Amino acid sequence: MEFLPESIDQYVHNHTSPESELLADLNRETWAKILIPRMLSGHLQGRVLSMFSHLMKPKRVLEIGTYTGYSALCLAEGMPEGSQLHTIDINEELEDFVKKYVERSGHSDKIIQHIGNAMEIIPNLDEKWDLVFIDADKENYLNYYNMIIDRMNPGGLILCDNVLWSGKVVDENETDEETATLRALNKAILEDSRVENVLLPVRDGLMAARVL
């Protein structure tokens, strides 16, 4: 769902720094070869993730939901030497696709790929996180948030994608599990005294929660 008029959306993209040639290649190949390519973060959200990363210079980043690796590469852009980004995806068929672009990016020393169930993998990662990006199965968003909130460093940032869910979160007739979970997540973050938050109407909604 597009929340902005097409002309305004195009103006926004035209006045945002362009994606790199590598990311443009990844974008094109995802749309040409991979199922459900709309799951890709894409140009605008990718630049938002890169901006957050450059501002924060995080040393430990967790990404829940790798897909084809676009967002991971954007997050890696602002990470300093010696930092690590752990990215998790349940789809093993995309592992080699992601690895190809990670190797081309020059960030292979920062990015660690995990294949499997994030609910099982995260507890075994002995890290305190500076930045977390959640973009995976929506019915587990609140579980992911609860799992990582106490493992965030002070000043750390949690980003949750798709929290407007094509506008379903404000439609009382939408009662499916994914929509209900996203509503519960947005409410829980707003009421959580451990964070301050802003829900950004970027693409399909990006919740940003800064740990106090």
N, C-alpha and C. Protein backbone atom coordinates (compact mmCIF):
# COMPACT_ATOMS: atom_id res chain seq x y z
N MET A 1 0.84 -1.20 0.00
CA MET A 1 0.00 0.00 0.00
C MET A 1 0.88 1.25 0.00
N GLU A 2 0.55 2.22 -0.87
CA GLU A 2 1.28 3.47 -0.91
C GLU A 2 0.53 4.51 -0.07
N PHE A 3 1.20 5.12 0.89
CA PHE A 3 0.56 6.08 1.77
C PHE A 3 0.67 7.51 1.25
N LEU A 4 1.56 7.73 0.29
CA LEU A 4 1.74 9.05 -0.31
C LEU A 4 1.24 9.03 -1.75
N PRO A 5 0.76 10.16 -2.26
CA PRO A 5 0.44 10.24 -3.69
C PRO A 5 1.69 9.88 -4.51
N GLU A 6 1.48 9.24 -5.65
CA GLU A 6 2.60 8.76 -6.45
C GLU A 6 3.60 9.87 -6.78
N SER A 7 3.10 11.07 -7.08
CA SER A 7 4.00 12.17 -7.45
C SER A 7 4.86 12.60 -6.27
N ILE A 8 4.27 12.61 -5.07
CA ILE A 8 5.04 12.97 -3.87
C ILE A 8 6.05 11.88 -3.54
N ASP A 9 5.62 10.62 -3.66
CA ASP A 9 6.52 9.50 -3.40
C ASP A 9 7.72 9.55 -4.34
N GLN A 10 7.48 9.86 -5.60
CA GLN A 10 8.57 9.94 -6.57
C GLN A 10 9.49 11.12 -6.25
N TYR A 11 8.90 12.23 -5.82
CA TYR A 11 9.70 13.40 -5.43
C TYR A 11 10.61 13.06 -4.25
N VAL A 12 10.07 12.32 -3.28
CA VAL A 12 10.87 11.90 -2.12
C VAL A 12 12.06 11.07 -2.58
N HIS A 13 11.81 10.11 -3.45
CA HIS A 13 12.90 9.26 -3.94
C HIS A 13 13.92 10.07 -4.74
N ASN A 14 13.42 11.00 -5.53
CA ASN A 14 14.32 11.81 -6.36
C ASN A 14 15.21 12.73 -5.53
N HIS A 15 14.77 13.05 -4.32
CA HIS A 15 15.53 13.95 -3.47
C HIS A 15 16.12 13.24 -2.26
N THR A 16 16.37 11.95 -2.42
CA THR A 16 17.08 11.14 -1.43
C THR A 16 18.34 10.59 -2.09
N SER A 17 19.43 10.57 -1.36
CA SER A 17 20.68 10.06 -1.93
C SER A 17 20.45 8.70 -2.60
N PRO A 18 21.05 8.49 -3.76
CA PRO A 18 20.79 7.24 -4.49
C PRO A 18 21.44 6.03 -3.81
N GLU A 19 20.89 4.87 -4.11
CA GLU A 19 21.52 3.63 -3.64
C GLU A 19 22.79 3.39 -4.45
N SER A 20 23.69 2.61 -3.90
CA SER A 20 24.94 2.29 -4.59
C SER A 20 24.66 1.38 -5.79
N GLU A 21 25.65 1.24 -6.64
CA GLU A 21 25.51 0.35 -7.80
C GLU A 21 25.28 -1.09 -7.34
N LEU A 22 25.97 -1.49 -6.27
CA LEU A 22 25.80 -2.84 -5.74
C LEU A 22 24.36 -3.06 -5.27
N LEU A 23 23.82 -2.11 -4.51
CA LEU A 23 22.45 -2.25 -4.02
C LEU A 23 21.45 -2.21 -5.17
N ALA A 24 21.74 -1.42 -6.19
CA ALA A 24 20.87 -1.39 -7.37
C ALA A 24 20.86 -2.74 -8.06
N ASP A 25 22.02 -3.39 -8.15
CA ASP A 25 22.11 -4.73 -8.73
C ASP A 25 21.32 -5.73 -7.90
N LEU A 26 21.47 -5.65 -6.58
CA LEU A 26 20.74 -6.54 -5.69
C LEU A 26 19.23 -6.33 -5.83
N ASN A 27 18.84 -5.08 -5.92
CA ASN A 27 17.43 -4.73 -6.09
C ASN A 27 16.88 -5.36 -7.37
N ARG A 28 17.57 -5.15 -8.46
CA ARG A 28 17.10 -5.67 -9.75
C ARG A 28 17.03 -7.20 -9.75
N GLU A 29 18.07 -7.86 -9.21
CA GLU A 29 18.10 -9.32 -9.24
C GLU A 29 17.03 -9.91 -8.33
N THR A 30 16.76 -9.24 -7.21
CA THR A 30 15.69 -9.70 -6.33
C THR A 30 14.35 -9.67 -7.05
N TRP A 31 14.06 -8.56 -7.73
CA TRP A 31 12.79 -8.43 -8.45
C TRP A 31 12.72 -9.39 -9.63
N ALA A 32 13.85 -9.74 -10.21
CA ALA A 32 13.86 -10.61 -11.39
C ALA A 32 13.77 -12.10 -11.03
N LYS A 33 14.30 -12.47 -9.84
CA LYS A 33 14.50 -13.90 -9.58
C LYS A 33 13.86 -14.42 -8.29
N ILE A 34 13.52 -13.57 -7.35
CA ILE A 34 13.13 -14.03 -6.01
C ILE A 34 11.64 -13.83 -5.78
N LEU A 35 11.03 -14.78 -5.09
CA LEU A 35 9.61 -14.68 -4.76
C LEU A 35 9.35 -13.53 -3.79
N ILE A 36 8.21 -12.91 -3.94
CA ILE A 36 7.72 -11.81 -3.09
C ILE A 36 8.77 -10.70 -2.98
N PRO A 37 9.21 -10.12 -4.10
CA PRO A 37 10.27 -9.10 -4.08
C PRO A 37 9.89 -7.83 -3.33
N ARG A 38 8.58 -7.60 -3.11
CA ARG A 38 8.19 -6.40 -2.36
C ARG A 38 8.69 -6.44 -0.91
N MET A 39 9.16 -7.59 -0.46
CA MET A 39 9.72 -7.70 0.89
C MET A 39 11.06 -6.96 0.99
N LEU A 40 11.66 -6.63 -0.12
CA LEU A 40 12.93 -5.90 -0.14
C LEU A 40 12.78 -4.52 0.50
N SER A 41 13.74 -4.11 1.30
CA SER A 41 13.67 -2.78 1.91
C SER A 41 13.63 -1.68 0.86
N GLY A 42 14.50 -1.76 -0.11
CA GLY A 42 14.48 -0.80 -1.20
C GLY A 42 15.17 0.52 -0.90
N HIS A 43 15.14 1.39 -1.89
CA HIS A 43 15.93 2.63 -1.89
C HIS A 43 15.67 3.51 -0.67
N LEU A 44 14.45 3.97 -0.47
CA LEU A 44 14.18 4.95 0.58
C LEU A 44 14.44 4.38 1.98
N GLN A 45 13.85 3.23 2.27
CA GLN A 45 14.07 2.65 3.60
C GLN A 45 15.53 2.26 3.79
N GLY A 46 16.17 1.81 2.74
CA GLY A 46 17.59 1.47 2.83
C GLY A 46 18.43 2.67 3.23
N ARG A 47 18.11 3.85 2.66
CA ARG A 47 18.86 5.06 3.01
C ARG A 47 18.54 5.49 4.46
N VAL A 48 17.31 5.24 4.91
CA VAL A 48 16.98 5.52 6.31
C VAL A 48 17.81 4.64 7.23
N LEU A 49 17.89 3.35 6.93
CA LEU A 49 18.68 2.43 7.76
C LEU A 49 20.16 2.82 7.75
N SER A 50 20.65 3.18 6.59
CA SER A 50 22.05 3.60 6.48
C SER A 50 22.30 4.88 7.29
N MET A 51 21.36 5.81 7.25
CA MET A 51 21.50 7.05 8.01
C MET A 51 21.56 6.77 9.51
N PHE A 52 20.64 5.94 10.01
CA PHE A 52 20.66 5.58 11.43
C PHE A 52 22.02 4.95 11.79
N SER A 53 22.49 4.06 10.93
CA SER A 53 23.75 3.37 11.21
C SER A 53 24.93 4.34 11.23
N HIS A 54 24.96 5.25 10.27
CA HIS A 54 26.05 6.23 10.25
C HIS A 54 26.00 7.15 11.48
N LEU A 55 24.81 7.51 11.91
CA LEU A 55 24.69 8.38 13.09
C LEU A 55 25.11 7.66 14.37
N MET A 56 24.74 6.40 14.48
CA MET A 56 24.98 5.64 15.71
C MET A 56 26.35 4.98 15.75
N LYS A 57 26.87 4.60 14.59
CA LYS A 57 28.11 3.82 14.50
C LYS A 57 28.05 2.60 15.45
N PRO A 58 27.05 1.76 15.29
CA PRO A 58 26.85 0.63 16.21
C PRO A 58 27.92 -0.44 16.07
N LYS A 59 28.29 -1.02 17.18
CA LYS A 59 29.29 -2.10 17.17
C LYS A 59 28.66 -3.49 17.14
N ARG A 60 27.43 -3.59 17.66
CA ARG A 60 26.72 -4.88 17.65
C ARG A 60 25.30 -4.66 17.14
N VAL A 61 25.01 -5.27 15.99
CA VAL A 61 23.72 -5.10 15.33
C VAL A 61 23.08 -6.48 15.14
N LEU A 62 21.79 -6.53 15.38
CA LEU A 62 21.01 -7.75 15.14
C LEU A 62 19.93 -7.44 14.12
N GLU A 63 19.86 -8.26 13.08
CA GLU A 63 18.79 -8.15 12.11
C GLU A 63 17.99 -9.45 12.11
N ILE A 64 16.69 -9.33 12.33
CA ILE A 64 15.80 -10.50 12.32
C ILE A 64 15.02 -10.45 11.02
N GLY A 65 15.43 -11.26 10.06
CA GLY A 65 14.83 -11.26 8.73
C GLY A 65 15.81 -10.71 7.70
N THR A 66 16.61 -11.58 7.10
CA THR A 66 17.63 -11.16 6.14
C THR A 66 17.05 -10.92 4.75
N TYR A 67 16.15 -11.80 4.33
CA TYR A 67 15.64 -11.86 2.97
C TYR A 67 16.82 -11.91 2.00
N THR A 68 16.97 -10.97 1.07
CA THR A 68 18.09 -11.05 0.12
C THR A 68 19.29 -10.19 0.53
N GLY A 69 19.26 -9.62 1.71
CA GLY A 69 20.44 -8.95 2.25
C GLY A 69 20.53 -7.46 2.04
N TYR A 70 19.53 -6.85 1.41
CA TYR A 70 19.60 -5.42 1.12
C TYR A 70 19.72 -4.59 2.40
N SER A 71 18.85 -4.84 3.36
CA SER A 71 18.88 -4.05 4.59
C SER A 71 20.15 -4.29 5.40
N ALA A 72 20.65 -5.51 5.39
CA ALA A 72 21.89 -5.81 6.12
C ALA A 72 23.05 -4.99 5.55
N LEU A 73 23.12 -4.90 4.24
CA LEU A 73 24.20 -4.13 3.61
C LEU A 73 24.05 -2.64 3.91
N CYS A 74 22.82 -2.16 3.98
CA CYS A 74 22.60 -0.74 4.33
C CYS A 74 23.03 -0.48 5.77
N LEU A 75 22.68 -1.37 6.68
CA LEU A 75 23.06 -1.21 8.09
C LEU A 75 24.58 -1.29 8.25
N ALA A 76 25.22 -2.13 7.47
CA ALA A 76 26.67 -2.31 7.59
C ALA A 76 27.44 -1.07 7.17
N GLU A 77 26.83 -0.20 6.37
CA GLU A 77 27.54 0.96 5.83
C GLU A 77 28.10 1.88 6.92
N GLY A 78 27.38 2.02 8.02
CA GLY A 78 27.82 2.95 9.06
C GLY A 78 28.52 2.28 10.23
N MET A 79 28.74 0.99 10.14
CA MET A 79 29.34 0.27 11.26
C MET A 79 30.87 0.39 11.24
N PRO A 80 31.48 0.66 12.40
CA PRO A 80 32.94 0.85 12.44
C PRO A 80 33.70 -0.46 12.33
N GLU A 81 35.00 -0.33 12.15
CA GLU A 81 35.87 -1.50 12.08
C GLU A 81 35.77 -2.30 13.37
N GLY A 82 35.71 -3.62 13.23
CA GLY A 82 35.62 -4.49 14.40
C GLY A 82 34.21 -4.75 14.87
N SER A 83 33.22 -4.17 14.20
CA SER A 83 31.83 -4.37 14.58
C SER A 83 31.28 -5.64 13.94
N GLN A 84 30.11 -6.09 14.44
CA GLN A 84 29.49 -7.30 13.90
C GLN A 84 28.00 -7.11 13.74
N LEU A 85 27.48 -7.62 12.62
CA LEU A 85 26.05 -7.64 12.36
C LEU A 85 25.62 -9.10 12.23
N HIS A 86 24.77 -9.55 13.13
CA HIS A 86 24.21 -10.89 13.06
C HIS A 86 22.86 -10.80 12.37
N THR A 87 22.70 -11.48 11.25
CA THR A 87 21.44 -11.45 10.53
C THR A 87 20.87 -12.85 10.41
N ILE A 88 19.58 -12.98 10.69
CA ILE A 88 18.93 -14.28 10.80
C ILE A 88 17.80 -14.41 9.79
N ASP A 89 17.75 -15.54 9.10
CA ASP A 89 16.63 -15.83 8.22
C ASP A 89 16.36 -17.33 8.22
N ILE A 90 15.11 -17.68 8.10
CA ILE A 90 14.74 -19.10 8.15
C ILE A 90 14.85 -19.78 6.78
N ASN A 91 14.98 -18.99 5.72
CA ASN A 91 14.99 -19.51 4.35
C ASN A 91 16.41 -19.83 3.90
N GLU A 92 16.78 -21.09 3.97
CA GLU A 92 18.14 -21.48 3.60
C GLU A 92 18.39 -21.35 2.10
N GLU A 93 17.33 -21.30 1.30
CA GLU A 93 17.49 -21.19 -0.15
C GLU A 93 18.08 -19.85 -0.57
N LEU A 94 17.98 -18.84 0.29
CA LEU A 94 18.52 -17.52 -0.03
C LEU A 94 19.94 -17.30 0.50
N GLU A 95 20.47 -18.26 1.21
CA GLU A 95 21.76 -18.07 1.88
C GLU A 95 22.87 -17.73 0.88
N ASP A 96 22.99 -18.48 -0.20
CA ASP A 96 24.06 -18.24 -1.17
C ASP A 96 23.85 -16.93 -1.93
N PHE A 97 22.59 -16.58 -2.20
CA PHE A 97 22.28 -15.31 -2.86
C PHE A 97 22.79 -14.16 -2.00
N VAL A 98 22.47 -14.20 -0.72
CA VAL A 98 22.92 -13.14 0.21
C VAL A 98 24.43 -13.12 0.29
N LYS A 99 25.03 -14.28 0.43
CA LYS A 99 26.49 -14.37 0.59
C LYS A 99 27.22 -13.74 -0.60
N LYS A 100 26.68 -13.93 -1.80
CA LYS A 100 27.29 -13.36 -3.00
C LYS A 100 27.38 -11.84 -2.90
N TYR A 101 26.31 -11.21 -2.46
CA TYR A 101 26.31 -9.76 -2.37
C TYR A 101 27.11 -9.25 -1.17
N VAL A 102 27.10 -10.00 -0.08
CA VAL A 102 27.92 -9.63 1.08
C VAL A 102 29.39 -9.62 0.69
N GLU A 103 29.83 -10.63 -0.04
CA GLU A 103 31.23 -10.70 -0.47
C GLU A 103 31.58 -9.57 -1.42
N ARG A 104 30.66 -9.20 -2.29
CA ARG A 104 30.91 -8.07 -3.20
C ARG A 104 30.97 -6.73 -2.47
N SER A 105 30.29 -6.64 -1.34
CA SER A 105 30.12 -5.37 -0.65
C SER A 105 31.37 -4.88 0.07
N GLY A 106 32.25 -5.80 0.43
CA GLY A 106 33.40 -5.44 1.25
C GLY A 106 33.09 -5.45 2.74
N HIS A 107 31.88 -5.90 3.11
CA HIS A 107 31.48 -5.95 4.51
C HIS A 107 31.43 -7.38 5.06
N SER A 108 32.05 -8.32 4.35
CA SER A 108 31.95 -9.72 4.77
C SER A 108 32.59 -9.96 6.13
N ASP A 109 33.51 -9.08 6.55
CA ASP A 109 34.14 -9.25 7.87
C ASP A 109 33.19 -8.80 8.99
N LYS A 110 32.12 -8.09 8.65
CA LYS A 110 31.18 -7.59 9.66
C LYS A 110 29.93 -8.44 9.77
N ILE A 111 29.52 -9.08 8.67
CA ILE A 111 28.20 -9.70 8.60
C ILE A 111 28.28 -11.20 8.84
N ILE A 112 27.52 -11.67 9.82
CA ILE A 112 27.44 -13.09 10.17
C ILE A 112 26.03 -13.57 9.87
N GLN A 113 25.91 -14.52 8.96
CA GLN A 113 24.60 -15.05 8.58
C GLN A 113 24.22 -16.24 9.45
N HIS A 114 22.97 -16.25 9.87
CA HIS A 114 22.42 -17.39 10.60
C HIS A 114 21.19 -17.87 9.85
N ILE A 115 21.08 -19.18 9.66
CA ILE A 115 19.91 -19.77 9.03
C ILE A 115 19.17 -20.61 10.06
N GLY A 116 17.89 -20.31 10.26
CA GLY A 116 17.10 -21.06 11.22
C GLY A 116 16.03 -20.21 11.87
N ASN A 117 15.46 -20.74 12.92
CA ASN A 117 14.39 -20.08 13.66
C ASN A 117 14.98 -19.02 14.59
N ALA A 118 14.61 -17.77 14.37
CA ALA A 118 15.18 -16.67 15.16
C ALA A 118 14.85 -16.81 16.64
N MET A 119 13.69 -17.36 16.96
CA MET A 119 13.30 -17.54 18.36
C MET A 119 14.25 -18.49 19.07
N GLU A 120 14.87 -19.39 18.33
CA GLU A 120 15.83 -20.33 18.91
C GLU A 120 17.27 -19.81 18.84
N ILE A 121 17.58 -19.02 17.82
CA ILE A 121 18.95 -18.55 17.61
C ILE A 121 19.29 -17.38 18.54
N ILE A 122 18.37 -16.44 18.69
CA ILE A 122 18.67 -15.21 19.45
C ILE A 122 19.13 -15.49 20.88
N PRO A 123 18.48 -16.39 21.63
CA PRO A 123 18.94 -16.63 23.01
C PRO A 123 20.37 -17.16 23.10
N ASN A 124 20.87 -17.72 22.00
CA ASN A 124 22.22 -18.27 22.01
C ASN A 124 23.29 -17.28 21.54
N LEU A 125 22.87 -16.08 21.21
CA LEU A 125 23.82 -15.03 20.82
C LEU A 125 24.17 -14.23 22.06
N ASP A 126 25.38 -14.38 22.53
CA ASP A 126 25.81 -13.75 23.78
C ASP A 126 26.30 -12.33 23.50
N GLU A 127 25.35 -11.44 23.25
CA GLU A 127 25.67 -10.06 22.87
C GLU A 127 24.74 -9.08 23.57
N LYS A 128 25.20 -7.84 23.71
CA LYS A 128 24.36 -6.70 24.06
C LYS A 128 24.29 -5.85 22.80
N TRP A 129 23.08 -5.47 22.41
CA TRP A 129 22.87 -4.88 21.09
C TRP A 129 22.82 -3.36 21.13
N ASP A 130 23.41 -2.75 20.10
CA ASP A 130 23.31 -1.30 19.91
C ASP A 130 22.16 -0.94 18.97
N LEU A 131 21.91 -1.82 18.02
CA LEU A 131 20.88 -1.57 17.00
C LEU A 131 20.26 -2.90 16.60
N VAL A 132 18.93 -2.94 16.58
CA VAL A 132 18.19 -4.14 16.18
C VAL A 132 17.17 -3.75 15.12
N PHE A 133 17.11 -4.50 14.04
CA PHE A 133 16.12 -4.29 12.98
C PHE A 133 15.28 -5.54 12.86
N ILE A 134 13.98 -5.40 13.12
CA ILE A 134 13.05 -6.53 13.07
C ILE A 134 12.22 -6.43 11.80
N ASP A 135 12.36 -7.44 10.93
CA ASP A 135 11.64 -7.45 9.66
C ASP A 135 11.42 -8.90 9.24
N ALA A 136 10.67 -9.63 10.05
CA ALA A 136 10.48 -11.06 9.82
C ALA A 136 9.00 -11.42 9.97
N ASP A 137 8.70 -12.59 10.50
CA ASP A 137 7.32 -13.04 10.65
C ASP A 137 6.58 -12.16 11.65
N LYS A 138 5.52 -11.53 11.18
CA LYS A 138 4.85 -10.49 11.97
C LYS A 138 4.23 -11.03 13.26
N GLU A 139 3.77 -12.29 13.24
CA GLU A 139 3.12 -12.84 14.42
C GLU A 139 4.08 -13.01 15.60
N ASN A 140 5.39 -12.90 15.33
CA ASN A 140 6.38 -13.00 16.41
C ASN A 140 7.03 -11.67 16.77
N TYR A 141 6.57 -10.57 16.18
CA TYR A 141 7.20 -9.28 16.44
C TYR A 141 7.26 -8.95 17.93
N LEU A 142 6.17 -9.13 18.63
CA LEU A 142 6.16 -8.80 20.05
C LEU A 142 7.06 -9.74 20.83
N ASN A 143 7.12 -11.00 20.42
CA ASN A 143 8.04 -11.94 21.06
C ASN A 143 9.49 -11.51 20.84
N TYR A 144 9.81 -11.08 19.63
CA TYR A 144 11.17 -10.63 19.36
C TYR A 144 11.50 -9.40 20.21
N TYR A 145 10.58 -8.47 20.27
CA TYR A 145 10.81 -7.26 21.06
C TYR A 145 11.07 -7.61 22.53
N ASN A 146 10.23 -8.46 23.08
CA ASN A 146 10.40 -8.85 24.48
C ASN A 146 11.69 -9.63 24.70
N MET A 147 12.14 -10.33 23.70
CA MET A 147 13.35 -11.14 23.81
C MET A 147 14.61 -10.28 23.82
N ILE A 148 14.58 -9.14 23.13
CA ILE A 148 15.81 -8.37 22.99
C ILE A 148 15.85 -7.09 23.84
N ILE A 149 14.71 -6.62 24.33
CA ILE A 149 14.68 -5.32 25.00
C ILE A 149 15.64 -5.25 26.18
N ASP A 150 15.75 -6.30 26.96
CA ASP A 150 16.65 -6.27 28.12
C ASP A 150 18.09 -6.58 27.76
N ARG A 151 18.34 -6.81 26.49
CA ARG A 151 19.71 -7.07 26.03
C ARG A 151 20.22 -5.92 25.15
N MET A 152 19.57 -4.76 25.27
CA MET A 152 19.98 -3.58 24.53
C MET A 152 20.91 -2.73 25.38
N ASN A 153 21.93 -2.16 24.77
CA ASN A 153 22.77 -1.18 25.45
C ASN A 153 21.99 0.13 25.61
N PRO A 154 22.27 0.90 26.67
CA PRO A 154 21.62 2.21 26.83
C PRO A 154 21.84 3.06 25.59
N GLY A 155 20.79 3.70 25.13
CA GLY A 155 20.88 4.49 23.91
C GLY A 155 20.72 3.67 22.64
N GLY A 156 20.56 2.37 22.80
CA GLY A 156 20.37 1.50 21.65
C GLY A 156 19.05 1.76 20.96
N LEU A 157 18.94 1.30 19.72
CA LEU A 157 17.76 1.59 18.90
C LEU A 157 17.17 0.30 18.37
N ILE A 158 15.85 0.16 18.54
CA ILE A 158 15.11 -0.96 17.97
C ILE A 158 14.23 -0.42 16.85
N LEU A 159 14.37 -1.00 15.67
CA LEU A 159 13.58 -0.62 14.52
C LEU A 159 12.70 -1.79 14.11
N CYS A 160 11.41 -1.54 13.92
CA CYS A 160 10.47 -2.58 13.51
C CYS A 160 9.80 -2.16 12.21
N ASP A 161 9.91 -2.98 11.19
CA ASP A 161 9.35 -2.65 9.88
C ASP A 161 7.90 -3.12 9.77
N ASN A 162 7.17 -2.53 8.83
CA ASN A 162 5.80 -2.94 8.47
C ASN A 162 4.77 -2.76 9.58
N VAL A 163 5.00 -1.80 10.47
CA VAL A 163 4.08 -1.67 11.61
C VAL A 163 2.77 -0.98 11.27
N LEU A 164 2.62 -0.46 10.04
CA LEU A 164 1.33 0.05 9.60
C LEU A 164 0.57 -1.02 8.81
N TRP A 165 1.28 -1.99 8.33
CA TRP A 165 0.72 -3.21 7.71
C TRP A 165 -0.36 -2.87 6.67
N SER A 166 0.07 -2.04 5.71
CA SER A 166 -0.81 -1.61 4.62
C SER A 166 -2.09 -0.95 5.12
N GLY A 167 -2.01 -0.33 6.28
CA GLY A 167 -3.15 0.37 6.84
C GLY A 167 -4.10 -0.51 7.64
N LYS A 168 -3.81 -1.80 7.71
CA LYS A 168 -4.71 -2.72 8.42
C LYS A 168 -4.79 -2.42 9.91
N VAL A 169 -3.73 -1.84 10.49
CA VAL A 169 -3.71 -1.62 11.94
C VAL A 169 -4.80 -0.64 12.39
N VAL A 170 -5.31 0.18 11.47
CA VAL A 170 -6.36 1.13 11.85
C VAL A 170 -7.74 0.71 11.33
N ASP A 171 -7.82 -0.47 10.75
CA ASP A 171 -9.09 -0.99 10.23
C ASP A 171 -9.65 -1.99 11.23
N GLU A 172 -10.73 -1.64 11.91
CA GLU A 172 -11.31 -2.50 12.94
C GLU A 172 -11.82 -3.82 12.39
N ASN A 173 -12.05 -3.89 11.10
CA ASN A 173 -12.52 -5.14 10.50
C ASN A 173 -11.41 -6.15 10.27
N GLU A 174 -10.17 -5.70 10.40
CA GLU A 174 -9.01 -6.60 10.23
C GLU A 174 -8.68 -7.23 11.57
N THR A 175 -8.89 -8.54 11.68
CA THR A 175 -8.70 -9.23 12.97
C THR A 175 -7.72 -10.40 12.87
N ASP A 176 -6.97 -10.50 11.77
CA ASP A 176 -6.04 -11.62 11.62
C ASP A 176 -4.90 -11.50 12.64
N GLU A 177 -4.18 -12.59 12.84
CA GLU A 177 -3.15 -12.67 13.87
C GLU A 177 -2.02 -11.66 13.65
N GLU A 178 -1.59 -11.51 12.41
CA GLU A 178 -0.48 -10.59 12.13
C GLU A 178 -0.86 -9.16 12.47
N THR A 179 -2.05 -8.73 12.03
CA THR A 179 -2.51 -7.37 12.31
C THR A 179 -2.67 -7.15 13.81
N ALA A 180 -3.26 -8.14 14.51
CA ALA A 180 -3.45 -8.03 15.95
C ALA A 180 -2.12 -7.92 16.68
N THR A 181 -1.12 -8.67 16.23
CA THR A 181 0.20 -8.62 16.86
C THR A 181 0.87 -7.28 16.66
N LEU A 182 0.75 -6.73 15.45
CA LEU A 182 1.36 -5.43 15.18
C LEU A 182 0.70 -4.33 15.99
N ARG A 183 -0.62 -4.39 16.15
CA ARG A 183 -1.29 -3.42 17.02
C ARG A 183 -0.77 -3.55 18.46
N ALA A 184 -0.64 -4.79 18.92
CA ALA A 184 -0.17 -5.04 20.29
C ALA A 184 1.26 -4.55 20.47
N LEU A 185 2.09 -4.75 19.45
CA LEU A 185 3.47 -4.28 19.51
C LEU A 185 3.53 -2.76 19.60
N ASN A 186 2.81 -2.08 18.72
CA ASN A 186 2.82 -0.62 18.72
C ASN A 186 2.35 -0.06 20.06
N LYS A 187 1.33 -0.67 20.63
CA LYS A 187 0.81 -0.24 21.93
C LYS A 187 1.83 -0.52 23.03
N ALA A 188 2.45 -1.70 23.00
CA ALA A 188 3.41 -2.08 24.04
C ALA A 188 4.62 -1.16 24.03
N ILE A 189 5.11 -0.81 22.85
CA ILE A 189 6.26 0.08 22.75
C ILE A 189 5.90 1.48 23.25
N LEU A 190 4.72 1.96 22.87
CA LEU A 190 4.28 3.29 23.31
C LEU A 190 4.20 3.36 24.83
N GLU A 191 3.79 2.26 25.47
CA GLU A 191 3.59 2.25 26.92
C GLU A 191 4.80 1.76 27.70
N ASP A 192 5.88 1.41 27.01
CA ASP A 192 7.07 0.87 27.66
C ASP A 192 7.94 2.02 28.19
N SER A 193 8.07 2.12 29.48
CA SER A 193 8.84 3.21 30.10
C SER A 193 10.33 3.09 29.86
N ARG A 194 10.77 1.97 29.33
CA ARG A 194 12.20 1.76 29.07
C ARG A 194 12.65 2.41 27.77
N VAL A 195 11.70 2.88 26.96
CA VAL A 195 12.05 3.44 25.65
C VAL A 195 11.28 4.72 25.39
N GLU A 196 11.78 5.50 24.44
CA GLU A 196 10.98 6.55 23.81
C GLU A 196 10.90 6.21 22.34
N ASN A 197 9.76 6.53 21.72
CA ASN A 197 9.57 6.01 20.37
C ASN A 197 8.93 7.03 19.44
N VAL A 198 9.09 6.75 18.15
CA VAL A 198 8.38 7.49 17.12
C VAL A 198 8.03 6.49 16.02
N LEU A 199 6.78 6.54 15.58
CA LEU A 199 6.35 5.68 14.47
C LEU A 199 6.46 6.51 13.20
N LEU A 200 7.41 6.13 12.37
CA LEU A 200 7.69 6.88 11.14
C LEU A 200 6.87 6.32 9.98
N PRO A 201 6.11 7.17 9.27
CA PRO A 201 5.33 6.69 8.13
C PRO A 201 6.20 6.52 6.89
N VAL A 202 7.29 5.80 7.05
CA VAL A 202 8.20 5.50 5.94
C VAL A 202 7.79 4.15 5.35
N ARG A 203 7.51 4.16 4.07
CA ARG A 203 7.10 2.94 3.37
C ARG A 203 5.87 2.32 4.06
N ASP A 204 6.00 1.16 4.69
CA ASP A 204 4.85 0.50 5.33
C ASP A 204 4.86 0.71 6.84
N GLY A 205 5.57 1.75 7.29
CA GLY A 205 5.61 2.06 8.72
C GLY A 205 6.87 1.51 9.37
N LEU A 206 7.65 2.38 10.01
CA LEU A 206 8.88 1.98 10.68
C LEU A 206 8.84 2.52 12.10
N MET A 207 8.73 1.62 13.06
CA MET A 207 8.74 2.00 14.48
C MET A 207 10.19 2.11 14.95
N ALA A 208 10.51 3.25 15.56
CA ALA A 208 11.85 3.44 16.11
C ALA A 208 11.71 3.65 17.61
N ALA A 209 12.37 2.80 18.39
CA ALA A 209 12.31 2.87 19.85
C ALA A 209 13.71 2.98 20.41
N ARG A 210 14.01 4.09 21.05
CA ARG A 210 15.34 4.30 21.63
C ARG A 210 15.32 3.91 23.11
N VAL A 211 16.27 3.08 23.48
CA VAL A 211 16.35 2.58 24.85
C VAL A 211 16.94 3.66 25.76
N LEU A 212 16.26 3.93 26.86
CA LEU A 212 16.68 4.98 27.78
C LEU A 212 17.77 4.49 28.73
